[in-house]
Protein backbone atom coordinates (compact mmCIF):
# COMPACT_ATOMS: atom_id res chain seq x y z
CA MET A 1 96.42 32.94 157.16
CA ALA A 2 98.24 35.14 154.65
CA ALA A 3 101.23 33.73 152.84
CA ALA A 4 104.62 34.99 154.07
CA SER A 5 106.24 37.45 151.73
CA ILE A 6 108.89 36.16 149.46
CA THR A 7 111.30 38.52 151.02
CA SER A 8 110.56 37.07 154.43
CA ILE A 9 110.89 33.48 153.13
CA VAL A 10 114.30 34.21 151.50
CA ALA A 11 115.53 36.05 154.52
CA THR A 12 114.49 33.26 156.95
CA VAL A 13 115.95 30.43 154.81
CA LEU A 14 119.21 32.39 154.27
CA GLY A 15 119.45 33.54 157.92
CA ILE A 16 119.85 37.26 156.91
CA PRO A 17 117.81 40.35 157.76
CA GLU A 18 114.84 41.16 155.45
CA THR A 19 116.45 44.47 154.87
CA ALA A 20 119.35 42.70 153.15
CA VAL A 21 116.95 41.15 150.56
CA ASP A 22 116.04 43.02 147.42
CA GLY A 23 115.07 42.11 143.85
CA GLU A 24 118.57 41.43 142.85
CA THR A 25 119.38 39.05 145.80
CA GLY A 26 120.27 35.63 144.46
CA PRO A 27 122.92 32.97 144.37
CA ALA A 28 125.30 35.23 142.57
CA THR A 29 124.98 38.11 145.03
CA GLU A 30 124.47 36.27 148.39
CA GLY A 31 127.01 33.85 149.69
CA GLU A 32 124.35 32.24 151.93
CA TRP A 33 122.32 31.30 148.84
CA THR A 34 123.65 27.77 148.31
CA SER A 35 122.19 25.11 146.07
CA LEU A 36 120.58 23.42 149.15
CA ARG A 37 119.11 26.72 150.32
CA HIS A 38 117.90 27.41 146.78
CA LEU A 39 115.77 24.17 147.02
CA GLN A 40 114.65 25.15 150.57
CA ILE A 41 113.49 28.54 149.33
CA ALA A 42 111.62 26.95 146.40
CA ASN A 43 110.01 24.37 148.75
CA GLU A 44 108.83 27.13 151.23
CA VAL A 45 107.45 29.29 148.43
CA GLN A 46 105.57 26.30 147.11
CA ARG A 47 104.13 25.52 150.55
CA GLU A 48 103.27 29.24 151.48
CA TYR A 49 101.68 29.99 148.11
CA ALA A 50 100.11 26.57 147.32
CA ILE A 51 101.75 26.37 143.99
CA THR A 52 103.82 23.71 142.20
CA LEU A 53 107.17 24.54 140.61
CA THR A 54 108.83 22.29 138.12
CA GLY A 55 112.47 21.35 138.28
CA ARG A 56 113.09 23.62 135.27
CA GLU A 57 111.32 26.53 136.92
CA ILE A 58 113.30 26.05 140.12
CA ARG A 59 116.57 25.94 138.18
CA SER A 60 115.56 29.18 136.35
CA ILE A 61 115.49 31.28 139.51
CA ARG A 62 118.41 33.59 139.51
CA SER A 63 117.06 36.36 141.85
CA VAL A 64 114.26 37.35 144.14
CA SER A 65 112.77 39.28 141.24
CA ASP A 66 112.68 35.97 139.11
CA LEU A 67 111.02 34.23 142.08
CA ARG A 68 108.34 36.92 142.48
CA GLU A 69 107.62 36.83 138.79
CA LEU A 70 107.36 33.06 138.72
CA VAL A 71 105.00 33.08 141.74
CA ALA A 72 102.76 35.82 140.07
CA GLN A 73 102.61 33.77 136.87
CA LYS A 74 101.60 30.59 138.80
CA GLN A 75 98.94 32.49 140.71
CA ASP A 76 97.55 34.07 137.59
CA GLY A 77 97.34 30.62 136.04
CA GLN A 78 95.52 29.21 139.02
CA ARG A 79 93.02 32.18 138.93
CA THR A 80 92.48 31.62 135.19
CA ALA A 81 91.90 27.85 135.61
CA ALA A 82 89.47 28.42 138.41
CA GLN A 83 87.19 30.67 136.27
C-alpha cells in the first residue's frame, strides 16, 4: 500500500479540503492547525512513511513544505543506511 500524500494527511487531520493545503500551509496560516493537530499530523506522517521524528524535528515543522523536506531527508537517510 502506498503512503498517503502529506497533503492528504494534513487535510484529513485538519478537516479541510486538500485543495486548501499548499506548501505554505502551517500553524501560522491555518487556524485549524493547533498544537494537538500538529502532533497528530506528525504521528500520521511517521506511521504512513515508517519514519521516526524526534521532538526537535516535530517542533521545527512550520509548514507543509518543512514537513515534506523533513520526510524526504528521513527517507534518504533510510535508503543510505540500507545500502
